[in-house]
Amino acid sequence: MSGYDNFTFCPVAQSYKRILLPLTYSLVFVLGLTLNLVLLGLVSCRTRTCSVVYLTNLAAADLLYVLALPLLIASDAMGGVWPFGEVLCKAVRFFFYMNLHSSVMFLTCVSIHRFLGVCCPIAALRFRTRKVAVVMSGSIWVLVMLEILPILIFADTGFINNKTVCYEMADFDRYHVFFPYIMFLTVVGFLLPFTIILICYCSMMIVLCRAGKDKSHMGKEMRNKSVRTILAVCLMLVLCFVPYHIARTVYLFLRVYMSSNCRALNVAVICYEIGKPLISLNCCANPLLYFLGSINLGLRCSDYKEHS
C-alpha cells in the first residue's frame, strides 16, 4: 500500500487509482463530450419545446463536468499529485458537485414532465409549457449554485507525503463540519429528487400496464417498449447515483466517528473512489436514455398544443 492519511495515520491504498481513475475518466470524457455535443446539436435544430429546454440544460450540466475531467485524469495518472493550483482545484470540485446535483434536478423535471404527459395529459397542459420549463431551469441553476457554494470553501489543496493534493475536504480538522453539510446535500440534493423520480416512473408504469383497452399487437408493443424504457432509465439512475452516495456517506461517517478503524476506513475509501467514476457515467447515459425515452414514451411537448 502507498499513501498515508495524516488525519488518522491509517495507511490507505492508493496504487489502484493510478490505473482505474485515469482509464475510466478518459472513457467518460470521450463518450460524454461526444454524446452531449451531439445531443446539443440535434436539439438545436428542434423547436424550443419544454422537453428540449430540459434536455439542453441537462447536456450543459454534463459538459461542465466533462470539460473539467482532463485535469483529474492528469492528476490521477501522476499518483494524485495536483500541480494546477488552488483555484483550479476548487473549480474542478465545484463543477463535479454542480453536475451531480443539477443533473438530478433536471432528471427530476424530465420525469415530472413525462409523468404529467402519461397520467394526466389534459389537466397538466398549462404546466407543460416552454415558459414553465425556462423558469424551472433557471431556478434549478440558482438553487444548485447556492447549495454547493460551500464547496468552494471546503475544497482546497493540501500536502500528504510531501506532495500537493486536491481534496474535496483538504483540512481534516473540519470533517465534523463537512459531514453534516454533505448529509444535507445528500438528503435535499439527491434523496428528495430521486424519490420523486422513482414515484413518477412507477406511477407511469402502473398507468401503462393498466391501459389495456388497445388490444392490437401494435398497441401492446408500444406499451411494452415504454415500460422497458422506464425500467432502463430507473436502473441506470440507481446504478450511477446510489452506490456513490452510499459509499460517500459510509466513508465520511467512518472518517468522523470511527477514524481509528483503519481496516474499515480502507474498504470505505476504495468503495468511495470506485463510486466516483461510476457516477460520472451518468454524463454518458443521459443523452442515450433520454433520447430513447423521448422516442419510446412519445412525451414531447409538441405532441400537445403547447404555447410559450
Protein backbone atom coordinates (compact mmCIF):
# COMPACT_ATOMS: atom_id res chain seq x y z
CA MET A 1 0.00 0.00 0.00
CA SER A 2 1.07 3.54 -0.68
CA GLY A 3 -0.11 6.87 0.57
CA TYR A 4 -0.66 7.96 4.15
CA ASP A 5 -3.55 9.81 5.75
CA ASN A 6 -2.34 12.49 8.15
CA PHE A 7 -5.73 12.66 9.88
CA THR A 8 -5.97 9.12 11.21
CA PHE A 9 -2.47 7.83 10.48
CA CYS A 10 -4.03 4.91 8.69
CA PRO A 11 -2.24 3.57 5.61
CA VAL A 12 -4.66 3.97 2.72
CA ALA A 13 -4.37 2.05 -0.56
CA GLN A 14 -3.75 4.43 -3.46
CA SER A 15 -1.98 2.47 -6.22
CA TYR A 16 -5.20 1.26 -7.91
CA LYS A 17 -6.23 4.89 -8.52
CA ARG A 18 -3.31 5.45 -10.89
CA ILE A 19 -4.83 2.98 -13.38
CA LEU A 20 -8.56 2.81 -12.60
CA LEU A 21 -9.39 6.51 -12.43
CA PRO A 22 -7.46 7.79 -15.49
CA LEU A 23 -8.90 4.99 -17.65
CA THR A 24 -12.50 5.45 -16.54
CA TYR A 25 -12.33 9.24 -16.57
CA SER A 26 -10.80 9.18 -20.08
CA LEU A 27 -13.65 6.97 -21.29
CA VAL A 28 -16.23 9.26 -19.69
CA PHE A 29 -14.52 12.32 -21.20
CA VAL A 30 -14.54 10.96 -24.76
CA LEU A 31 -18.05 9.50 -24.66
CA GLY A 32 -19.57 12.27 -22.55
CA LEU A 33 -18.15 15.06 -24.67
CA THR A 34 -19.19 13.39 -27.94
CA LEU A 35 -22.70 12.34 -26.87
CA ASN A 36 -23.59 15.64 -25.21
CA LEU A 37 -22.31 17.71 -28.14
CA VAL A 38 -24.37 15.53 -30.48
CA LEU A 39 -27.36 15.98 -28.18
CA LEU A 40 -26.96 19.77 -28.20
CA GLY A 41 -26.53 19.76 -31.98
CA LEU A 42 -29.70 17.72 -32.50
CA VAL A 43 -31.91 19.65 -30.09
CA SER A 44 -30.73 22.98 -31.52
CA CYS A 45 -32.46 22.00 -34.77
CA ARG A 46 -35.76 21.38 -33.00
CA THR A 47 -38.47 23.73 -31.77
CA ARG A 48 -37.71 25.01 -28.27
CA THR A 49 -40.37 22.93 -26.53
CA CYS A 50 -40.18 22.29 -22.79
CA SER A 51 -38.63 18.83 -23.21
CA VAL A 52 -35.91 20.35 -25.41
CA VAL A 53 -35.26 23.04 -22.76
CA TYR A 54 -34.73 20.39 -20.08
CA LEU A 55 -32.53 18.25 -22.33
CA THR A 56 -30.40 21.25 -23.32
CA ASN A 57 -29.80 22.20 -19.69
CA LEU A 58 -29.07 18.58 -18.79
CA ALA A 59 -26.44 18.40 -21.55
CA ALA A 60 -24.94 21.72 -20.43
CA ALA A 61 -24.64 20.40 -16.86
CA ASP A 62 -22.91 17.26 -18.10
CA LEU A 63 -20.50 19.25 -20.27
CA LEU A 64 -19.47 21.43 -17.32
CA TYR A 65 -18.10 18.37 -15.58
CA VAL A 66 -16.77 16.58 -18.66
CA LEU A 67 -14.63 19.58 -19.64
CA ALA A 68 -13.01 19.54 -16.18
CA LEU A 69 -12.05 15.84 -16.41
CA PRO A 70 -8.66 16.25 -18.19
CA LEU A 71 -7.24 17.86 -15.03
CA LEU A 72 -8.39 14.91 -12.89
CA ILE A 73 -7.05 12.44 -15.46
CA ALA A 74 -3.62 14.08 -15.40
CA SER A 75 -3.57 14.29 -11.60
CA ASP A 76 -4.57 10.65 -11.04
CA ALA A 77 -2.08 9.48 -13.67
CA MET A 78 0.63 11.24 -11.65
CA GLY A 79 -0.36 9.38 -8.50
CA GLY A 80 -2.67 12.02 -7.09
CA VAL A 81 -0.26 14.94 -7.39
CA TRP A 82 -2.08 18.24 -8.13
CA PRO A 83 0.18 20.71 -9.99
CA PHE A 84 -2.61 23.01 -11.23
CA GLY A 85 -3.02 25.30 -8.23
CA GLU A 86 -5.69 26.08 -5.66
CA VAL A 87 -8.14 27.92 -7.96
CA LEU A 88 -8.44 25.06 -10.45
CA CYS A 89 -8.71 22.59 -7.57
CA LYS A 90 -11.75 24.44 -6.23
CA ALA A 91 -13.19 24.81 -9.75
CA VAL A 92 -12.95 21.08 -10.55
CA ARG A 93 -14.62 20.08 -7.27
CA PHE A 94 -17.27 22.76 -7.75
CA PHE A 95 -18.10 21.56 -11.28
CA PHE A 96 -18.33 17.97 -10.05
CA TYR A 97 -20.95 18.87 -7.44
CA MET A 98 -22.64 21.25 -9.86
CA ASN A 99 -23.08 18.44 -12.36
CA LEU A 100 -24.08 15.92 -9.70
CA HIS A 101 -26.94 17.95 -8.26
CA SER A 102 -28.10 19.88 -11.33
CA SER A 103 -28.29 16.60 -13.30
CA VAL A 104 -30.51 15.02 -10.66
CA MET A 105 -32.74 18.10 -10.61
CA PHE A 106 -33.10 18.24 -14.40
CA LEU A 107 -33.78 14.50 -14.48
CA THR A 108 -36.49 15.17 -11.90
CA CYS A 109 -38.03 17.82 -14.17
CA VAL A 110 -37.96 15.39 -17.11
CA SER A 111 -39.62 12.65 -15.03
CA ILE A 112 -42.36 15.03 -13.77
CA HIS A 113 -42.87 16.27 -17.33
CA ARG A 114 -43.33 12.71 -18.60
CA PHE A 115 -45.46 11.73 -15.61
CA LEU A 116 -47.88 14.57 -16.36
CA GLY A 117 -47.98 13.60 -20.03
CA VAL A 118 -48.90 9.98 -19.25
CA CYS A 119 -51.01 10.22 -16.11
CA CYS A 120 -52.94 13.50 -16.57
CA PRO A 121 -52.22 14.89 -20.05
CA ILE A 122 -55.22 17.24 -20.33
CA ALA A 123 -55.21 18.72 -16.84
CA ALA A 124 -51.45 19.26 -16.97
CA LEU A 125 -51.30 21.15 -20.28
CA ARG A 126 -50.78 24.51 -18.56
CA PHE A 127 -47.73 23.15 -16.72
CA ARG A 128 -46.14 21.55 -19.79
CA THR A 129 -45.11 24.78 -21.49
CA ARG A 130 -41.83 26.26 -22.65
CA LYS A 131 -42.23 29.23 -20.29
CA VAL A 132 -42.56 26.95 -17.26
CA ALA A 133 -39.54 24.91 -18.42
CA VAL A 134 -37.37 28.03 -18.78
CA VAL A 135 -38.37 29.34 -15.34
CA MET A 136 -37.79 25.92 -13.75
CA SER A 137 -34.39 25.53 -15.43
CA GLY A 138 -33.22 28.97 -14.32
CA SER A 139 -34.42 28.28 -10.78
CA ILE A 140 -32.54 24.98 -10.69
CA TRP A 141 -29.23 26.59 -11.69
CA VAL A 142 -29.61 29.28 -8.99
CA LEU A 143 -30.72 26.79 -6.33
CA VAL A 144 -27.93 24.31 -7.03
CA MET A 145 -25.29 27.05 -7.07
CA LEU A 146 -26.48 28.26 -3.66
CA GLU A 147 -26.45 24.69 -2.31
CA ILE A 148 -22.89 23.95 -3.36
CA LEU A 149 -21.20 27.32 -2.79
CA PRO A 150 -19.66 25.97 0.46
CA ILE A 151 -17.66 23.51 -1.68
CA LEU A 152 -15.52 26.48 -2.72
CA ILE A 153 -14.59 26.86 0.95
CA PHE A 154 -14.08 23.20 1.80
CA ALA A 155 -12.24 22.10 -1.37
CA ASP A 156 -8.59 23.01 -1.37
CA THR A 157 -5.07 21.82 -1.98
CA GLY A 158 -3.09 20.19 0.81
CA PHE A 159 0.07 18.18 1.45
CA ILE A 160 0.25 14.42 2.02
CA ASN A 161 3.58 12.58 1.95
CA ASN A 162 5.25 15.81 0.82
CA LYS A 163 3.13 16.05 -2.33
CA THR A 164 0.40 18.54 -3.23
CA VAL A 165 -3.08 17.02 -3.50
CA CYS A 166 -6.56 18.37 -4.29
CA TYR A 167 -9.31 17.17 -1.97
CA GLU A 168 -12.99 17.96 -1.50
CA MET A 169 -12.08 18.42 2.15
CA ALA A 170 -8.37 19.14 2.50
CA ASP A 171 -8.50 20.35 6.10
CA PHE A 172 -9.00 17.13 8.07
CA ASP A 173 -9.80 19.10 11.25
CA ARG A 174 -13.03 20.36 9.65
CA TYR A 175 -14.57 16.98 8.83
CA HIS A 176 -17.05 17.41 11.70
CA VAL A 177 -18.45 20.42 9.77
CA PHE A 178 -18.11 18.90 6.29
CA PHE A 179 -20.04 15.73 7.19
CA PRO A 180 -23.34 17.47 8.19
CA TYR A 181 -23.11 19.64 5.08
CA ILE A 182 -22.71 16.57 2.86
CA MET A 183 -25.64 14.91 4.64
CA PHE A 184 -27.72 18.00 3.85
CA LEU A 185 -26.71 17.75 0.16
CA THR A 186 -27.47 14.03 0.14
CA VAL A 187 -30.99 14.47 1.52
CA VAL A 188 -32.01 17.69 -0.23
CA GLY A 189 -29.96 17.35 -3.41
CA PHE A 190 -30.32 13.62 -4.00
CA LEU A 191 -32.76 11.60 -1.85
CA LEU A 192 -35.68 14.00 -2.27
CA PRO A 193 -35.46 14.43 -6.08
CA PHE A 194 -34.52 10.77 -6.56
CA THR A 195 -37.65 9.71 -4.65
CA ILE A 196 -39.76 11.99 -6.85
CA ILE A 197 -38.20 10.42 -9.96
CA LEU A 198 -38.99 6.89 -8.79
CA ILE A 199 -42.57 7.83 -7.81
CA CYS A 200 -43.16 9.44 -11.22
CA TYR A 201 -41.82 6.48 -13.21
CA CYS A 202 -43.55 3.88 -11.02
CA SER A 203 -46.85 5.75 -11.47
CA MET A 204 -46.29 5.83 -15.22
CA MET A 205 -45.66 2.09 -15.29
CA ILE A 206 -48.87 1.43 -13.36
CA VAL A 207 -50.88 3.59 -15.77
CA LEU A 208 -49.28 1.98 -18.83
CA CYS A 209 -49.82 -1.54 -17.51
CA ARG A 210 -53.48 -0.80 -16.76
CA ALA A 211 -54.07 0.73 -20.18
CA GLY A 212 -55.35 -2.47 -21.73
CA LYS A 213 -58.05 -1.02 -23.97
CA ASP A 214 -55.89 -1.23 -27.07
CA LYS A 215 -55.72 -4.97 -27.75
CA SER A 216 -53.91 -4.62 -31.07
CA HIS A 217 -50.43 -6.01 -31.47
CA MET A 218 -49.06 -2.53 -32.22
CA GLY A 219 -50.65 -1.06 -29.11
CA LYS A 220 -49.25 -3.77 -26.87
CA GLU A 221 -45.81 -3.46 -28.43
CA MET A 222 -45.71 0.31 -27.92
CA ARG A 223 -46.81 -0.12 -24.31
CA ASN A 224 -44.17 -2.79 -23.69
CA LYS A 225 -41.45 -0.58 -25.20
CA SER A 226 -42.49 2.29 -22.94
CA VAL A 227 -42.36 0.07 -19.84
CA ARG A 228 -38.94 -1.30 -20.84
CA THR A 229 -37.65 2.24 -21.38
CA ILE A 230 -38.86 3.31 -17.92
CA LEU A 231 -37.18 0.29 -16.34
CA ALA A 232 -33.92 1.06 -18.19
CA VAL A 233 -33.98 4.69 -17.04
CA CYS A 234 -34.63 3.71 -13.39
CA LEU A 235 -31.94 1.02 -13.47
CA MET A 236 -29.34 3.42 -14.87
CA LEU A 237 -30.21 6.07 -12.28
CA VAL A 238 -29.84 3.55 -9.46
CA LEU A 239 -26.53 2.18 -10.77
CA CYS A 240 -24.99 5.60 -11.40
CA PHE A 241 -26.12 7.53 -8.33
CA VAL A 242 -26.94 5.19 -5.42
CA PRO A 243 -23.55 3.39 -4.93
CA TYR A 244 -21.66 6.70 -4.86
CA HIS A 245 -23.94 8.33 -2.28
CA ILE A 246 -23.90 5.25 -0.04
CA ALA A 247 -20.10 4.91 -0.28
CA ARG A 248 -19.55 8.62 0.39
CA THR A 249 -21.88 8.58 3.41
CA VAL A 250 -20.22 5.50 4.93
CA TYR A 251 -16.72 6.88 4.28
CA LEU A 252 -17.44 10.25 5.90
CA PHE A 253 -19.20 8.60 8.84
CA LEU A 254 -16.14 6.42 9.47
CA ARG A 255 -13.85 9.39 8.98
CA VAL A 256 -15.67 11.41 11.65
CA TYR A 257 -16.83 8.80 14.17
CA MET A 258 -14.61 5.71 13.68
CA SER A 259 -11.36 7.16 12.37
CA SER A 260 -9.25 4.67 14.33
CA ASN A 261 -10.74 1.69 12.45
CA CYS A 262 -8.13 1.54 9.70
CA ARG A 263 -9.44 -1.63 8.06
CA ALA A 264 -12.98 -0.32 7.68
CA LEU A 265 -11.66 3.04 6.53
CA ASN A 266 -9.57 1.40 3.80
CA VAL A 267 -12.57 -0.52 2.46
CA ALA A 268 -14.70 2.63 2.56
CA VAL A 269 -12.05 4.67 0.72
CA ILE A 270 -11.80 2.08 -2.07
CA CYS A 271 -15.61 1.90 -2.47
CA TYR A 272 -15.80 5.69 -2.48
CA GLU A 273 -13.10 6.04 -5.15
CA ILE A 274 -14.77 3.39 -7.33
CA GLY A 275 -18.08 5.23 -6.96
CA LYS A 276 -16.65 8.46 -8.40
CA PRO A 277 -16.11 7.22 -11.98
CA LEU A 278 -19.35 5.24 -11.71
CA ILE A 279 -21.39 8.36 -11.03
CA SER A 280 -19.51 10.13 -13.84
CA LEU A 281 -21.05 7.64 -16.27
CA ASN A 282 -24.36 9.48 -15.97
CA CYS A 283 -22.81 12.09 -18.29
CA CYS A 284 -22.74 9.42 -21.00
CA ALA A 285 -26.01 7.71 -20.10
CA ASN A 286 -28.20 10.82 -20.01
CA PRO A 287 -28.15 11.57 -23.78
CA LEU A 288 -28.79 7.91 -24.69
CA LEU A 289 -31.52 7.23 -22.17
CA TYR A 290 -33.42 10.43 -22.63
CA PHE A 291 -33.43 10.36 -26.41
CA LEU A 292 -34.60 6.78 -26.15
CA GLY A 293 -37.25 7.90 -23.70
CA SER A 294 -38.44 10.72 -25.95
CA ILE A 295 -38.90 8.25 -28.80
CA ASN A 296 -40.48 5.35 -26.93
CA LEU A 297 -42.57 7.29 -24.46
CA GLY A 298 -43.72 9.81 -27.06
CA LEU A 299 -43.95 12.58 -24.48
CA ARG A 300 -42.71 15.62 -26.36
CA CYS A 301 -44.47 18.89 -25.61
CA SER A 302 -45.05 19.29 -29.33
CA ASP A 303 -47.43 16.31 -29.10
CA TYR A 304 -49.76 18.74 -27.37
CA LYS A 305 -50.80 22.20 -28.44
CA GLU A 306 -48.17 23.96 -26.41
CA HIS A 307 -47.78 27.69 -26.34
CA SER A 308 -44.99 29.77 -24.87
